[in-house]
């Protein structure tokens, strides 16, 4: 079935308003136990670093495909409206 797939519109990462973006999201729940809180906070910090987790997100591909699956987080310095509430 995937061989019959036709791409009519391909999203790009240049426009954060592109409706075809597939952003990966990370949430830190409010009920993380005290024992794991620092680890969880460090993981979230690593995930939003351009040379950390964002590199993993940017390069993630489904095996056997050419395209990338997720869009990286917006650069909050260049696009602050896309980071409201962060």
N, C-alpha and C. Protein backbone atom coordinates (compact mmCIF):
# COMPACT_ATOMS: atom_id res chain seq x y z
N UNK A 1 0.82 -1.18 0.00
CA UNK A 1 0.00 0.00 0.00
C UNK A 1 0.87 1.26 0.00
N UNK A 2 1.95 1.28 0.79
CA UNK A 2 2.81 2.46 0.84
C UNK A 2 3.44 2.77 -0.51
N UNK A 3 3.63 1.75 -1.34
CA UNK A 3 4.19 1.98 -2.68
C UNK A 3 3.25 2.77 -3.56
N UNK A 4 1.97 2.77 -3.24
CA UNK A 4 0.98 3.49 -4.02
C UNK A 4 0.72 4.91 -3.51
N UNK A 5 1.44 5.31 -2.48
CA UNK A 5 1.25 6.62 -1.87
C UNK A 5 1.73 7.72 -2.81
N UNK A 6 0.91 8.74 -2.97
CA UNK A 6 1.26 9.88 -3.81
C UNK A 6 1.41 11.10 -2.90
N UNK A 7 2.52 11.82 -3.02
CA UNK A 7 2.75 13.03 -2.23
C UNK A 7 2.21 14.21 -3.03
N UNK A 8 1.17 14.85 -2.52
CA UNK A 8 0.58 16.01 -3.19
C UNK A 8 1.16 17.31 -2.68
N UNK A 9 1.56 17.32 -1.41
CA UNK A 9 2.13 18.52 -0.81
C UNK A 9 3.12 18.06 0.24
N UNK A 10 4.32 18.59 0.19
CA UNK A 10 5.34 18.22 1.15
C UNK A 10 5.59 19.43 2.05
N UNK A 11 5.51 19.24 3.33
CA UNK A 11 5.78 20.31 4.27
C UNK A 11 7.28 20.56 4.37
N UNK A 12 7.63 21.76 4.73
CA UNK A 12 9.03 22.13 4.93
C UNK A 12 9.18 22.69 6.34
N UNK A 13 10.40 22.77 6.82
CA UNK A 13 10.66 23.27 8.16
C UNK A 13 10.94 24.76 8.20
N UNK A 14 10.82 25.43 7.06
CA UNK A 14 11.16 26.86 7.00
C UNK A 14 10.08 27.76 7.58
N UNK A 15 8.84 27.33 7.55
CA UNK A 15 7.71 28.16 7.97
C UNK A 15 7.01 27.52 9.17
N UNK A 16 7.17 28.09 10.36
CA UNK A 16 6.54 27.47 11.54
C UNK A 16 5.01 27.48 11.48
N UNK A 17 4.42 28.23 10.55
CA UNK A 17 2.97 28.23 10.40
C UNK A 17 2.48 27.18 9.39
N UNK A 18 3.42 26.44 8.80
CA UNK A 18 3.07 25.41 7.82
C UNK A 18 2.18 24.36 8.49
N UNK A 19 0.98 24.13 7.96
CA UNK A 19 0.08 23.16 8.61
C UNK A 19 0.56 21.72 8.50
N UNK A 20 1.57 21.46 7.68
CA UNK A 20 2.06 20.10 7.53
C UNK A 20 3.23 19.77 8.45
N UNK A 21 3.60 20.69 9.32
CA UNK A 21 4.65 20.38 10.28
C UNK A 21 4.18 19.30 11.23
N UNK A 22 5.08 18.46 11.63
CA UNK A 22 4.76 17.39 12.57
C UNK A 22 5.68 17.52 13.78
N UNK A 23 5.38 18.46 14.67
CA UNK A 23 6.29 18.70 15.78
C UNK A 23 6.26 17.58 16.82
N UNK A 24 7.43 17.29 17.34
CA UNK A 24 7.52 16.38 18.47
C UNK A 24 7.34 17.23 19.73
N UNK A 25 6.61 16.74 20.67
CA UNK A 25 6.35 17.51 21.90
C UNK A 25 6.88 16.75 23.10
N UNK A 26 7.27 17.50 24.11
CA UNK A 26 7.70 16.89 25.37
C UNK A 26 7.02 17.64 26.51
N UNK A 27 6.53 16.90 27.45
CA UNK A 27 5.86 17.48 28.61
C UNK A 27 6.49 16.92 29.88
N UNK A 28 6.59 17.75 30.87
CA UNK A 28 7.04 17.30 32.18
C UNK A 28 5.83 17.38 33.09
N UNK A 29 5.32 16.24 33.46
CA UNK A 29 4.11 16.18 34.28
C UNK A 29 4.32 16.78 35.66
N UNK A 30 3.24 17.20 36.26
CA UNK A 30 3.28 17.83 37.56
C UNK A 30 3.41 16.85 38.71
N UNK A 31 3.42 15.55 38.41
CA UNK A 31 3.48 14.57 39.49
C UNK A 31 4.72 13.70 39.40
N UNK A 32 5.82 14.26 38.93
CA UNK A 32 7.09 13.53 38.91
C UNK A 32 7.57 13.41 40.35
N UNK A 33 7.91 12.19 40.76
CA UNK A 33 8.35 12.01 42.15
C UNK A 33 9.67 12.74 42.37
N UNK A 34 9.88 13.17 43.58
CA UNK A 34 11.06 13.96 43.95
C UNK A 34 12.35 13.25 43.55
N UNK A 35 12.38 11.94 43.68
CA UNK A 35 13.56 11.14 43.35
C UNK A 35 13.94 11.29 41.87
N UNK A 36 12.97 11.44 41.00
CA UNK A 36 13.22 11.50 39.56
C UNK A 36 13.12 12.91 38.97
N UNK A 37 12.81 13.91 39.78
CA UNK A 37 12.57 15.25 39.26
C UNK A 37 13.78 15.84 38.55
N UNK A 38 14.96 15.76 39.13
CA UNK A 38 16.16 16.33 38.51
C UNK A 38 16.46 15.64 37.18
N UNK A 39 16.34 14.33 37.15
CA UNK A 39 16.56 13.57 35.92
C UNK A 39 15.58 14.00 34.84
N UNK A 40 14.31 14.14 35.21
CA UNK A 40 13.29 14.56 34.26
C UNK A 40 13.56 15.97 33.74
N UNK A 41 13.92 16.88 34.63
CA UNK A 41 14.22 18.25 34.21
C UNK A 41 15.45 18.29 33.30
N UNK A 42 16.47 17.51 33.64
CA UNK A 42 17.67 17.45 32.80
C UNK A 42 17.34 16.89 31.41
N UNK A 43 16.46 15.91 31.36
CA UNK A 43 16.07 15.33 30.07
C UNK A 43 15.34 16.36 29.21
N UNK A 44 14.42 17.10 29.80
CA UNK A 44 13.70 18.14 29.05
C UNK A 44 14.69 19.20 28.55
N UNK A 45 15.61 19.61 29.40
CA UNK A 45 16.62 20.59 28.99
C UNK A 45 17.44 20.05 27.82
N UNK A 46 17.86 18.80 27.89
CA UNK A 46 18.62 18.19 26.79
C UNK A 46 17.78 18.12 25.52
N UNK A 47 16.51 17.79 25.66
CA UNK A 47 15.64 17.66 24.47
C UNK A 47 15.52 18.96 23.69
N UNK A 48 15.55 20.11 24.35
CA UNK A 48 15.36 21.37 23.64
C UNK A 48 16.67 21.99 23.16
N UNK A 49 17.80 21.39 23.52
CA UNK A 49 19.09 21.89 23.07
C UNK A 49 19.29 21.58 21.58
N UNK A 50 19.71 22.58 20.78
CA UNK A 50 19.92 22.34 19.34
C UNK A 50 20.91 21.21 19.05
N UNK A 51 21.95 21.06 19.88
CA UNK A 51 22.93 20.00 19.66
C UNK A 51 22.68 18.78 20.52
N UNK A 52 21.54 18.73 21.17
CA UNK A 52 21.17 17.59 22.01
C UNK A 52 20.00 16.85 21.39
N UNK A 53 18.90 16.88 22.09
CA UNK A 53 17.71 16.16 21.64
C UNK A 53 17.15 16.65 20.32
N UNK A 54 17.30 17.94 20.03
CA UNK A 54 16.78 18.46 18.75
C UNK A 54 17.52 17.84 17.57
N UNK A 55 18.78 17.49 17.75
CA UNK A 55 19.54 16.79 16.70
C UNK A 55 18.95 15.41 16.47
N UNK A 56 18.55 14.73 17.55
CA UNK A 56 17.91 13.41 17.43
C UNK A 56 16.56 13.55 16.73
N UNK A 57 15.77 14.53 17.15
CA UNK A 57 14.45 14.75 16.54
C UNK A 57 14.60 15.05 15.05
N UNK A 58 15.54 15.94 14.73
CA UNK A 58 15.73 16.38 13.35
C UNK A 58 16.15 15.23 12.43
N UNK A 59 16.92 14.29 12.96
CA UNK A 59 17.46 13.23 12.10
C UNK A 59 16.67 11.93 12.16
N UNK A 60 15.57 11.90 12.90
CA UNK A 60 14.79 10.66 13.02
C UNK A 60 14.07 10.34 11.72
N UNK A 61 14.27 9.12 11.24
CA UNK A 61 13.60 8.64 10.04
C UNK A 61 13.03 7.26 10.29
N UNK A 62 11.92 6.99 9.67
CA UNK A 62 11.40 5.63 9.69
C UNK A 62 12.31 4.80 8.78
N UNK A 63 12.77 3.65 9.23
CA UNK A 63 13.66 2.83 8.39
C UNK A 63 13.04 2.57 7.01
N UNK A 64 13.87 2.72 6.00
CA UNK A 64 13.42 2.46 4.64
C UNK A 64 12.76 3.65 3.96
N UNK A 65 12.73 4.81 4.62
CA UNK A 65 12.13 6.00 4.02
C UNK A 65 13.19 7.06 3.79
N UNK A 66 12.86 8.04 2.95
CA UNK A 66 13.80 9.12 2.68
C UNK A 66 13.50 10.36 3.50
N UNK A 67 12.27 10.54 3.92
CA UNK A 67 11.87 11.76 4.62
C UNK A 67 12.07 11.66 6.11
N UNK A 68 12.08 12.80 6.73
CA UNK A 68 12.19 12.87 8.18
C UNK A 68 10.80 13.02 8.76
N UNK A 69 10.60 12.49 9.96
CA UNK A 69 9.26 12.43 10.53
C UNK A 69 8.88 13.67 11.33
N UNK A 70 9.78 14.19 12.14
CA UNK A 70 9.42 15.26 13.05
C UNK A 70 10.09 16.59 12.70
N UNK A 71 9.48 17.64 13.15
CA UNK A 71 10.02 18.99 13.00
C UNK A 71 10.64 19.39 14.33
N UNK A 72 11.75 20.08 14.28
CA UNK A 72 12.40 20.52 15.51
C UNK A 72 11.62 21.66 16.16
N UNK A 73 11.96 21.92 17.40
CA UNK A 73 11.33 23.03 18.12
C UNK A 73 11.72 24.35 17.47
N UNK A 74 10.84 25.34 17.53
CA UNK A 74 11.18 26.64 16.94
C UNK A 74 12.32 27.31 17.71
N UNK A 75 13.05 28.13 17.00
CA UNK A 75 14.09 28.94 17.63
C UNK A 75 13.39 30.11 18.31
N UNK A 76 13.30 30.07 19.62
CA UNK A 76 12.51 31.06 20.35
C UNK A 76 13.08 32.47 20.26
N UNK A 77 14.35 32.60 19.93
CA UNK A 77 14.94 33.92 19.75
C UNK A 77 14.52 34.52 18.42
N UNK A 78 14.35 33.68 17.40
CA UNK A 78 13.96 34.15 16.07
C UNK A 78 12.44 34.18 15.90
N UNK A 79 11.73 33.29 16.60
CA UNK A 79 10.28 33.16 16.44
C UNK A 79 9.59 33.11 17.80
N UNK A 80 9.66 34.20 18.58
CA UNK A 80 9.13 34.17 19.95
C UNK A 80 7.64 33.85 20.04
N UNK A 81 6.86 34.21 19.01
CA UNK A 81 5.41 33.94 19.09
C UNK A 81 5.12 32.44 19.11
N UNK A 82 6.05 31.62 18.62
CA UNK A 82 5.85 30.19 18.59
C UNK A 82 6.31 29.51 19.88
N UNK A 83 6.78 30.31 20.82
CA UNK A 83 7.28 29.76 22.07
C UNK A 83 6.49 30.27 23.27
N UNK A 84 5.38 30.87 23.04
CA UNK A 84 4.58 31.42 24.14
C UNK A 84 4.26 30.31 25.14
N UNK A 85 4.50 30.60 26.39
CA UNK A 85 4.20 29.63 27.44
C UNK A 85 5.35 28.69 27.76
N UNK A 86 6.45 28.78 27.06
CA UNK A 86 7.59 27.89 27.34
C UNK A 86 8.38 28.44 28.48
